[in-house]
Amino acid sequence: MIVASSSSTSKPCLVASSATWILAYAARVKIAVDGFGVHSLRATAATNALEHEADIAKVQEWLGHANIATTRLYDRRKSRPEDSPTFKVAY
């Protein structure tokens, strides 16, 4: 079981429950994109930070990765944006 801290209440929350909430909200607002989920959002946020010159070690710490190689998997700067599930969300 993975537990994260909720910034609004400073109480622990289950990561699985966060994923469930995000997917339920996405369904409610009619986001129906294959591959859309918590990991695609994390990858988008990490890539965005790196595109804006954040240090990869800081992004590693922010994502809670023990190994920087895991953080590099989230770095999608060399990927085509149109291949990202979060890119396909219509606003």
Protein backbone atom coordinates (compact mmCIF):
# COMPACT_ATOMS: atom_id res chain seq x y z
CA MET A 1 0.00 0.00 0.00
CA ILE A 2 1.36 3.40 -0.97
CA VAL A 3 0.40 6.42 1.09
CA ALA A 4 0.83 10.04 0.06
CA SER A 5 0.25 13.23 1.98
CA SER A 6 -2.82 15.26 1.11
CA SER A 7 -1.73 18.88 0.80
CA SER A 8 -5.17 20.25 1.65
CA THR A 9 -5.61 18.34 4.90
CA SER A 10 -2.06 17.22 5.75
CA LYS A 11 -3.54 13.76 6.31
CA PRO A 12 -2.34 10.67 4.48
CA CYS A 13 -4.39 9.45 1.55
CA LEU A 14 -4.10 6.28 -0.47
CA VAL A 15 -2.60 6.79 -3.90
CA ALA A 16 -5.07 4.26 -5.27
CA SER A 17 -7.96 6.39 -4.00
CA SER A 18 -6.42 9.44 -5.69
CA ALA A 19 -6.25 7.55 -8.98
CA THR A 20 -9.85 6.44 -8.58
CA TRP A 21 -10.94 10.02 -7.89
CA ILE A 22 -9.08 11.37 -10.92
CA LEU A 23 -10.52 8.73 -13.25
CA ALA A 24 -14.03 9.27 -11.87
CA TYR A 25 -13.72 13.03 -12.38
CA ALA A 26 -12.38 12.51 -15.91
CA ALA A 27 -15.40 10.34 -16.70
CA ARG A 28 -17.75 12.93 -15.20
CA VAL A 29 -16.37 15.70 -17.43
CA LYS A 30 -16.31 13.31 -20.39
CA ILE A 31 -12.56 12.89 -20.83
CA ALA A 32 -12.38 9.60 -22.69
CA VAL A 33 -8.81 9.22 -23.94
CA ASP A 34 -6.96 5.90 -24.07
CA GLY A 35 -3.99 5.99 -21.70
CA PHE A 36 -5.24 8.99 -19.71
CA GLY A 37 -4.61 8.57 -16.01
CA VAL A 38 -2.43 9.42 -13.06
CA HIS A 39 0.83 8.30 -14.69
CA SER A 40 0.22 10.26 -17.88
CA LEU A 41 -0.50 13.33 -15.75
CA ARG A 42 2.70 12.76 -13.73
CA ALA A 43 4.72 12.33 -16.94
CA THR A 44 3.22 15.53 -18.36
CA ALA A 45 4.00 17.47 -15.17
CA ALA A 46 7.56 16.11 -15.01
CA THR A 47 8.18 16.85 -18.68
CA ASN A 48 6.76 20.35 -18.29
CA ALA A 49 9.06 21.02 -15.33
CA LEU A 50 12.08 19.75 -17.27
CA GLU A 51 11.12 21.83 -20.32
CA HIS A 52 11.20 24.87 -18.04
CA GLU A 53 14.75 24.05 -16.92
CA ALA A 54 13.98 22.30 -13.63
CA ASP A 55 16.87 20.19 -12.39
CA ILE A 56 16.15 16.48 -12.97
CA ALA A 57 17.31 15.70 -9.40
CA LYS A 58 14.64 18.08 -8.07
CA VAL A 59 12.01 16.46 -10.30
CA GLN A 60 13.17 13.07 -9.01
CA GLU A 61 12.67 14.25 -5.44
CA TRP A 62 9.29 15.81 -6.29
CA LEU A 63 8.07 12.55 -7.85
CA GLY A 64 9.47 10.50 -4.97
CA HIS A 65 11.67 8.27 -7.12
CA ALA A 66 14.51 6.42 -5.42
CA ASN A 67 16.42 6.09 -8.70
CA ILE A 68 16.94 8.87 -11.23
CA ALA A 69 16.55 6.30 -14.04
CA THR A 70 12.86 6.07 -13.11
CA THR A 71 12.53 9.84 -13.42
CA ARG A 72 14.10 9.69 -16.87
CA LEU A 73 11.25 7.37 -17.93
CA TYR A 74 8.84 10.22 -17.16
CA ASP A 75 10.84 12.67 -19.32
CA ARG A 76 8.94 12.88 -22.60
CA ARG A 77 10.70 15.92 -24.06
CA LYS A 78 11.88 13.93 -27.07
CA SER A 79 8.46 12.39 -27.68
CA ARG A 80 5.90 13.89 -29.97
CA PRO A 81 3.28 15.78 -27.90
CA GLU A 82 0.46 14.44 -30.06
CA ASP A 83 1.34 10.92 -28.83
CA SER A 84 0.64 11.87 -25.19
CA PRO A 85 -2.80 10.96 -23.80
CA THR A 86 -3.00 14.32 -22.00
CA PHE A 87 -2.38 16.13 -25.30
CA LYS A 88 -5.55 14.55 -26.70
CA VAL A 89 -7.86 16.02 -24.05
CA ALA A 90 -10.18 18.57 -25.64
CA TYR A 91 -10.70 21.78 -23.67
